[in-house]
Amino acid sequence: MTKIKSYWLMKSEPDVYSWDDLVAEGEGTWDGVRNYTARLNLRAMAVGDEVFFYHSNIGLEIVGIAVISQEGFEDPTDETGRWTSVKVKPVRKLKRPVTLKEIKADPALVEMELLTKFRLSVSKVTEAEWQHVLGLAAA
């Protein structure tokens, strides 16, 4: 049985870890997440799932697309063994970043977890939301 591809959004403060940092590394470890819902999302990710890379705090915009390259494993920054990490690889930068302001103003995205669960650093994205954001970015 083949798993249907899932879509996600991962937030990172660009002054801590930016899209350019991920591109420079070629593959990054998404670690340090300490929220139970975000942990469940990390554990649900599969190799090949696609991710919007979102710059939080500075920029407030979706800037690129990454792909899950390694499924959930114990977070190397966690001494308790309770938290999960994944590995991600950059796919491409969006032609045009899609800002939080645009997303909030778009009726098609009103239910997006980025808005409804705004404190969540790793959130689900529906396929319809994914396609709509790509359209906004003129992907």
N, C-alpha and C. Protein backbone atom coordinates (compact mmCIF):
# COMPACT_ATOMS: atom_id res chain seq x y z
N MET A 1 0.85 -1.19 0.00
CA MET A 1 0.00 0.00 0.00
C MET A 1 0.89 1.25 0.00
N THR A 2 0.66 2.12 -0.95
CA THR A 2 1.47 3.32 -1.08
C THR A 2 0.89 4.46 -0.26
N LYS A 3 1.76 5.16 0.45
CA LYS A 3 1.33 6.30 1.24
C LYS A 3 1.12 7.49 0.32
N ILE A 4 0.02 8.19 0.54
CA ILE A 4 -0.24 9.41 -0.21
C ILE A 4 0.68 10.51 0.34
N LYS A 5 1.27 11.27 -0.58
CA LYS A 5 2.18 12.34 -0.17
C LYS A 5 1.43 13.34 0.71
N SER A 6 2.08 13.79 1.76
CA SER A 6 1.53 14.83 2.62
C SER A 6 2.32 16.11 2.43
N TYR A 7 1.70 17.21 2.85
CA TYR A 7 2.30 18.53 2.72
C TYR A 7 2.34 19.18 4.10
N TRP A 8 3.39 19.95 4.32
CA TRP A 8 3.65 20.53 5.63
C TRP A 8 4.18 21.95 5.49
N LEU A 9 4.20 22.65 6.61
CA LEU A 9 4.84 23.95 6.70
C LEU A 9 5.71 23.93 7.95
N MET A 10 6.97 24.32 7.79
CA MET A 10 7.90 24.37 8.91
C MET A 10 8.41 25.79 9.05
N LYS A 11 8.32 26.30 10.28
CA LYS A 11 8.75 27.67 10.56
C LYS A 11 10.16 27.68 11.13
N SER A 12 10.92 28.66 10.70
CA SER A 12 12.24 28.88 11.27
C SER A 12 12.54 30.37 11.26
N GLU A 13 13.13 30.83 12.34
CA GLU A 13 13.55 32.23 12.39
C GLU A 13 14.78 32.36 11.50
N PRO A 14 14.71 33.22 10.48
CA PRO A 14 15.82 33.29 9.52
C PRO A 14 17.15 33.73 10.11
N ASP A 15 17.13 34.42 11.26
CA ASP A 15 18.40 34.79 11.88
C ASP A 15 18.99 33.62 12.69
N VAL A 16 18.20 32.54 12.86
CA VAL A 16 18.69 31.34 13.53
C VAL A 16 19.02 30.26 12.50
N TYR A 17 18.08 29.99 11.59
CA TYR A 17 18.28 29.01 10.52
C TYR A 17 17.39 29.41 9.35
N SER A 18 17.99 29.87 8.30
CA SER A 18 17.25 30.42 7.16
C SER A 18 17.22 29.44 5.99
N TRP A 19 16.42 29.80 5.00
CA TRP A 19 16.38 29.04 3.75
C TRP A 19 17.79 28.93 3.17
N ASP A 20 18.52 30.05 3.16
CA ASP A 20 19.88 30.04 2.61
C ASP A 20 20.80 29.10 3.38
N ASP A 21 20.58 28.98 4.71
CA ASP A 21 21.36 28.04 5.51
C ASP A 21 21.09 26.61 5.06
N LEU A 22 19.81 26.28 4.84
CA LEU A 22 19.45 24.94 4.38
C LEU A 22 20.07 24.65 3.02
N VAL A 23 19.99 25.62 2.11
CA VAL A 23 20.57 25.44 0.78
C VAL A 23 22.08 25.22 0.89
N ALA A 24 22.74 26.00 1.73
CA ALA A 24 24.19 25.86 1.90
C ALA A 24 24.56 24.49 2.46
N GLU A 25 23.75 23.96 3.37
CA GLU A 25 24.02 22.64 3.96
C GLU A 25 23.70 21.51 3.00
N GLY A 26 22.68 21.71 2.16
CA GLY A 26 22.26 20.65 1.24
C GLY A 26 21.26 19.69 1.86
N GLU A 27 21.37 19.49 3.16
CA GLU A 27 20.40 18.70 3.93
C GLU A 27 20.51 19.16 5.37
N GLY A 28 19.38 19.44 5.98
CA GLY A 28 19.38 19.92 7.36
C GLY A 28 18.60 19.00 8.28
N THR A 29 18.96 19.04 9.56
CA THR A 29 18.22 18.31 10.59
C THR A 29 17.26 19.29 11.24
N TRP A 30 15.97 18.96 11.21
CA TRP A 30 14.95 19.81 11.83
C TRP A 30 14.81 19.34 13.27
N ASP A 31 15.48 20.04 14.17
CA ASP A 31 15.51 19.63 15.57
C ASP A 31 15.12 20.79 16.47
N GLY A 32 15.04 20.51 17.76
CA GLY A 32 14.74 21.55 18.73
C GLY A 32 13.26 21.84 18.90
N VAL A 33 12.39 21.08 18.26
CA VAL A 33 10.95 21.30 18.36
C VAL A 33 10.47 20.72 19.69
N ARG A 34 9.81 21.56 20.49
CA ARG A 34 9.36 21.13 21.82
C ARG A 34 7.88 21.43 22.02
N ASN A 35 7.08 20.95 21.09
CA ASN A 35 5.63 21.09 21.16
C ASN A 35 5.05 19.73 20.78
N TYR A 36 4.07 19.24 21.55
CA TYR A 36 3.56 17.89 21.32
C TYR A 36 2.85 17.73 19.98
N THR A 37 2.07 18.72 19.58
CA THR A 37 1.39 18.63 18.29
C THR A 37 2.40 18.66 17.15
N ALA A 38 3.38 19.53 17.25
CA ALA A 38 4.43 19.59 16.23
C ALA A 38 5.20 18.27 16.20
N ARG A 39 5.43 17.66 17.36
CA ARG A 39 6.12 16.37 17.41
C ARG A 39 5.31 15.30 16.68
N LEU A 40 4.00 15.30 16.89
CA LEU A 40 3.14 14.34 16.17
C LEU A 40 3.24 14.56 14.66
N ASN A 41 3.29 15.81 14.25
CA ASN A 41 3.43 16.11 12.82
C ASN A 41 4.78 15.62 12.29
N LEU A 42 5.84 15.84 13.04
CA LEU A 42 7.16 15.35 12.62
C LEU A 42 7.15 13.83 12.49
N ARG A 43 6.50 13.16 13.43
CA ARG A 43 6.44 11.70 13.39
C ARG A 43 5.58 11.18 12.25
N ALA A 44 4.64 12.00 11.77
CA ALA A 44 3.76 11.60 10.66
C ALA A 44 4.41 11.80 9.30
N MET A 45 5.51 12.52 9.24
CA MET A 45 6.16 12.82 7.97
C MET A 45 6.82 11.58 7.39
N ALA A 46 6.81 11.51 6.06
CA ALA A 46 7.44 10.40 5.34
C ALA A 46 8.40 10.95 4.30
N VAL A 47 9.39 10.16 3.96
CA VAL A 47 10.32 10.55 2.91
C VAL A 47 9.52 10.88 1.65
N GLY A 48 9.82 12.03 1.06
CA GLY A 48 9.11 12.46 -0.14
C GLY A 48 8.02 13.48 0.12
N ASP A 49 7.57 13.59 1.38
CA ASP A 49 6.59 14.64 1.70
C ASP A 49 7.23 16.00 1.43
N GLU A 50 6.41 16.94 0.99
CA GLU A 50 6.94 18.27 0.67
C GLU A 50 6.59 19.26 1.78
N VAL A 51 7.47 20.25 1.92
CA VAL A 51 7.40 21.19 3.03
C VAL A 51 7.56 22.62 2.51
N PHE A 52 6.69 23.49 2.96
CA PHE A 52 6.93 24.92 2.76
C PHE A 52 7.88 25.37 3.86
N PHE A 53 8.92 26.09 3.49
CA PHE A 53 9.88 26.66 4.44
C PHE A 53 9.43 28.10 4.69
N TYR A 54 9.08 28.38 5.93
CA TYR A 54 8.50 29.67 6.32
C TYR A 54 9.46 30.41 7.23
N HIS A 55 9.77 31.65 6.88
CA HIS A 55 10.59 32.50 7.74
C HIS A 55 9.67 33.18 8.76
N SER A 56 9.85 32.84 10.03
CA SER A 56 9.04 33.43 11.09
C SER A 56 9.78 34.61 11.72
N ASN A 57 9.04 35.41 12.45
CA ASN A 57 9.54 36.59 13.17
C ASN A 57 10.12 37.66 12.24
N ILE A 58 11.05 37.31 11.38
CA ILE A 58 11.62 38.26 10.43
C ILE A 58 11.19 37.79 9.05
N GLY A 59 10.46 38.60 8.34
CA GLY A 59 10.02 38.24 7.01
C GLY A 59 8.58 37.80 6.97
N LEU A 60 8.22 36.84 7.82
CA LEU A 60 6.85 36.31 7.88
C LEU A 60 6.36 35.94 6.48
N GLU A 61 7.07 34.98 5.88
CA GLU A 61 6.72 34.58 4.51
C GLU A 61 7.21 33.19 4.20
N ILE A 62 6.49 32.54 3.28
CA ILE A 62 6.93 31.25 2.76
C ILE A 62 7.94 31.55 1.65
N VAL A 63 9.13 30.98 1.79
CA VAL A 63 10.20 31.35 0.86
C VAL A 63 10.67 30.20 -0.03
N GLY A 64 10.39 28.95 0.38
CA GLY A 64 10.91 27.85 -0.42
C GLY A 64 10.18 26.55 -0.16
N ILE A 65 10.58 25.55 -0.94
CA ILE A 65 10.03 24.21 -0.83
C ILE A 65 11.17 23.25 -0.53
N ALA A 66 10.94 22.42 0.48
CA ALA A 66 11.90 21.38 0.85
C ALA A 66 11.18 20.05 0.80
N VAL A 67 11.96 18.97 0.92
CA VAL A 67 11.40 17.63 0.91
C VAL A 67 11.97 16.86 2.11
N ILE A 68 11.13 16.01 2.69
CA ILE A 68 11.60 15.17 3.80
C ILE A 68 12.53 14.11 3.22
N SER A 69 13.76 14.08 3.72
CA SER A 69 14.75 13.12 3.22
C SER A 69 15.02 11.99 4.22
N GLN A 70 14.65 12.18 5.47
CA GLN A 70 14.75 11.11 6.46
C GLN A 70 13.60 11.27 7.45
N GLU A 71 12.87 10.19 7.65
CA GLU A 71 11.73 10.20 8.56
C GLU A 71 12.17 10.34 10.00
N GLY A 72 11.20 10.53 10.88
CA GLY A 72 11.44 10.80 12.29
C GLY A 72 12.47 9.92 12.98
N PHE A 73 13.34 10.58 13.73
CA PHE A 73 14.33 9.91 14.55
C PHE A 73 14.52 10.75 15.80
N GLU A 74 15.17 10.18 16.80
CA GLU A 74 15.35 10.90 18.06
C GLU A 74 16.12 12.20 17.84
N ASP A 75 15.57 13.28 18.38
CA ASP A 75 16.18 14.60 18.25
C ASP A 75 17.55 14.61 18.95
N PRO A 76 18.62 14.90 18.20
CA PRO A 76 19.95 14.89 18.79
C PRO A 76 20.17 15.97 19.85
N THR A 77 19.28 16.98 19.91
CA THR A 77 19.43 18.04 20.91
C THR A 77 18.65 17.74 22.18
N ASP A 78 18.01 16.56 22.23
CA ASP A 78 17.14 16.19 23.35
C ASP A 78 17.76 15.08 24.18
N GLU A 79 18.05 15.37 25.44
CA GLU A 79 18.64 14.37 26.32
C GLU A 79 17.60 13.41 26.90
N THR A 80 16.31 13.76 26.79
CA THR A 80 15.25 12.93 27.39
C THR A 80 14.79 11.80 26.48
N GLY A 81 15.06 11.93 25.16
CA GLY A 81 14.62 10.92 24.21
C GLY A 81 13.15 11.02 23.83
N ARG A 82 12.48 12.12 24.22
CA ARG A 82 11.05 12.28 23.94
C ARG A 82 10.75 12.97 22.62
N TRP A 83 11.70 13.69 22.10
CA TRP A 83 11.41 14.57 20.96
C TRP A 83 11.94 14.01 19.65
N THR A 84 11.36 14.46 18.56
CA THR A 84 11.62 13.89 17.24
C THR A 84 12.22 14.93 16.30
N SER A 85 13.05 14.46 15.40
CA SER A 85 13.62 15.28 14.33
C SER A 85 13.37 14.59 12.99
N VAL A 86 13.51 15.34 11.93
CA VAL A 86 13.52 14.79 10.58
C VAL A 86 14.66 15.48 9.84
N LYS A 87 15.00 14.94 8.68
CA LYS A 87 15.96 15.61 7.81
C LYS A 87 15.21 16.14 6.60
N VAL A 88 15.63 17.31 6.15
CA VAL A 88 15.01 17.96 4.99
C VAL A 88 16.08 18.40 4.01
N LYS A 89 15.70 18.37 2.73
CA LYS A 89 16.57 18.88 1.67
C LYS A 89 15.83 19.97 0.91
N PRO A 90 16.55 21.01 0.51
CA PRO A 90 15.89 22.06 -0.28
C PRO A 90 15.54 21.54 -1.66
N VAL A 91 14.39 21.96 -2.17
CA VAL A 91 13.98 21.63 -3.54
C VAL A 91 14.16 22.86 -4.41
N ARG A 92 13.50 23.95 -4.01
CA ARG A 92 13.67 25.19 -4.77
C ARG A 92 13.10 26.37 -3.99
N LYS A 93 13.66 27.52 -4.27
CA LYS A 93 13.14 28.76 -3.72
C LYS A 93 11.91 29.14 -4.52
N LEU A 94 10.93 29.72 -3.87
CA LEU A 94 9.76 30.19 -4.60
C LEU A 94 10.15 31.38 -5.47
N LYS A 95 9.50 31.51 -6.62
CA LYS A 95 9.79 32.64 -7.51
C LYS A 95 9.51 33.95 -6.80
N ARG A 96 8.47 33.92 -5.96
CA ARG A 96 8.10 35.10 -5.18
C ARG A 96 7.63 34.61 -3.82
N PRO A 97 8.20 35.14 -2.72
CA PRO A 97 7.73 34.73 -1.40
C PRO A 97 6.24 35.05 -1.22
N VAL A 98 5.56 34.22 -0.45
CA VAL A 98 4.14 34.46 -0.14
C VAL A 98 4.09 34.88 1.32
N THR A 99 3.62 36.11 1.54
CA THR A 99 3.66 36.70 2.88
C THR A 99 2.48 36.26 3.73
N LEU A 100 2.67 36.34 5.03
CA LEU A 100 1.60 36.06 5.98
C LEU A 100 0.42 37.00 5.74
N LYS A 101 0.71 38.22 5.42
CA LYS A 101 -0.35 39.20 5.15
C LYS A 101 -1.22 38.73 3.97
N GLU A 102 -0.59 38.25 2.91
CA GLU A 102 -1.34 37.73 1.76
C GLU A 102 -2.19 36.52 2.15
N ILE A 103 -1.58 35.63 2.92
CA ILE A 103 -2.29 34.41 3.33
C ILE A 103 -3.51 34.76 4.16
N LYS A 104 -3.34 35.69 5.11
CA LYS A 104 -4.46 36.10 5.96
C LYS A 104 -5.59 36.74 5.16
N ALA A 105 -5.24 37.42 4.08
CA ALA A 105 -6.24 38.13 3.28
C ALA A 105 -6.93 37.25 2.25
N ASP A 106 -6.47 36.01 2.09
CA ASP A 106 -6.99 35.14 1.03
C ASP A 106 -8.06 34.20 1.58
N PRO A 107 -9.31 34.34 1.13
CA PRO A 107 -10.40 33.49 1.63
C PRO A 107 -10.14 31.98 1.42
N ALA A 108 -9.37 31.62 0.41
CA ALA A 108 -9.09 30.21 0.15
C ALA A 108 -8.16 29.60 1.20
N LEU A 109 -7.52 30.44 1.99
CA LEU A 109 -6.54 29.95 2.97
C LEU A 109 -6.96 30.20 4.42
N VAL A 110 -8.20 30.58 4.62
CA VAL A 110 -8.69 30.96 5.94
C VAL A 110 -8.57 29.83 6.97
N GLU A 111 -8.61 28.58 6.52
CA GLU A 111 -8.51 27.43 7.44
C GLU A 111 -7.09 26.87 7.55
N MET A 112 -6.14 27.49 6.89
CA MET A 112 -4.77 26.98 6.92
C MET A 112 -4.25 26.99 8.36
N GLU A 113 -3.61 25.89 8.77
CA GLU A 113 -3.12 25.79 10.14
C GLU A 113 -2.12 26.89 10.50
N LEU A 114 -1.44 27.44 9.52
CA LEU A 114 -0.56 28.58 9.78
C LEU A 114 -1.33 29.71 10.45
N LEU A 115 -2.62 29.83 10.11
CA LEU A 115 -3.47 30.87 10.70
C LEU A 115 -4.25 30.37 11.91
N THR A 116 -4.75 29.14 11.85
CA THR A 116 -5.61 28.64 12.92
C THR A 116 -4.82 28.10 14.10
N LYS A 117 -3.60 27.67 13.86
CA LYS A 117 -2.71 27.17 14.93
C LYS A 117 -1.38 27.91 14.81
N PHE A 118 -1.46 29.23 14.87
CA PHE A 118 -0.34 30.10 14.51
C PHE A 118 0.90 29.92 15.39
N ARG A 119 0.76 29.34 16.58
CA ARG A 119 1.94 29.15 17.43
C ARG A 119 2.67 27.85 17.11
N LEU A 120 2.10 27.05 16.23
CA LEU A 120 2.67 25.75 15.88
C LEU A 120 3.82 25.91 14.88
N SER A 121 4.98 25.33 15.20
CA SER A 121 6.15 25.49 14.33
C SER A 121 6.19 24.51 13.16
N VAL A 122 5.43 23.42 13.27
CA VAL A 122 5.34 22.42 12.21
C VAL A 122 3.86 22.11 12.03
N SER A 123 3.31 22.49 10.88
CA SER A 123 1.87 22.33 10.69
C SER A 123 1.55 21.62 9.38
N LYS A 124 0.34 21.07 9.33
CA LYS A 124 -0.14 20.39 8.13
C LYS A 124 -0.60 21.43 7.12
N VAL A 125 -0.50 21.07 5.85
CA VAL A 125 -1.00 21.88 4.74
C VAL A 125 -1.81 20.93 3.86
N THR A 126 -3.03 21.31 3.53
CA THR A 126 -3.82 20.45 2.63
C THR A 126 -3.28 20.58 1.21
N GLU A 127 -3.62 19.61 0.38
CA GLU A 127 -3.17 19.68 -1.02
C GLU A 127 -3.74 20.91 -1.71
N ALA A 128 -5.00 21.26 -1.41
CA ALA A 128 -5.61 22.45 -2.01
C ALA A 128 -4.88 23.72 -1.57
N GLU A 129 -4.53 23.80 -0.28
CA GLU A 129 -3.78 24.96 0.21
C GLU A 129 -2.40 25.02 -0.46
N TRP A 130 -1.77 23.87 -0.58
CA TRP A 130 -0.44 23.78 -1.21
C TRP A 130 -0.50 24.35 -2.62
N GLN A 131 -1.45 23.86 -3.40
CA GLN A 131 -1.58 24.31 -4.80
C GLN A 131 -1.90 25.80 -4.88
N HIS A 132 -2.73 26.27 -3.97
CA HIS A 132 -3.12 27.68 -3.97
C HIS A 132 -1.91 28.58 -3.66
N VAL A 133 -1.13 28.19 -2.66
CA VAL A 133 0.07 28.98 -2.32
C VAL A 133 1.05 28.97 -3.49
N LEU A 134 1.22 27.82 -4.14
CA LEU A 134 2.09 27.78 -5.32
C LEU A 134 1.61 28.74 -6.40
N GLY A 135 0.30 28.82 -6.56
CA GLY A 135 -0.25 29.78 -7.53
C GLY A 135 0.06 31.21 -7.15
N LEU A 136 -0.04 31.52 -5.86
CA LEU A 136 0.28 32.88 -5.39
C LEU A 136 1.75 33.21 -5.62
N ALA A 137 2.59 32.19 -5.50
CA ALA A 137 4.04 32.39 -5.68
C ALA A 137 4.42 32.36 -7.16
N ALA A 138 3.43 32.10 -8.02
CA ALA A 138 3.69 31.96 -9.45
C ALA A 138 4.78 30.91 -9.68
N ALA A 139 4.61 29.80 -8.96
CA ALA A 139 5.60 28.72 -8.98
C ALA A 139 5.74 28.12 -10.35
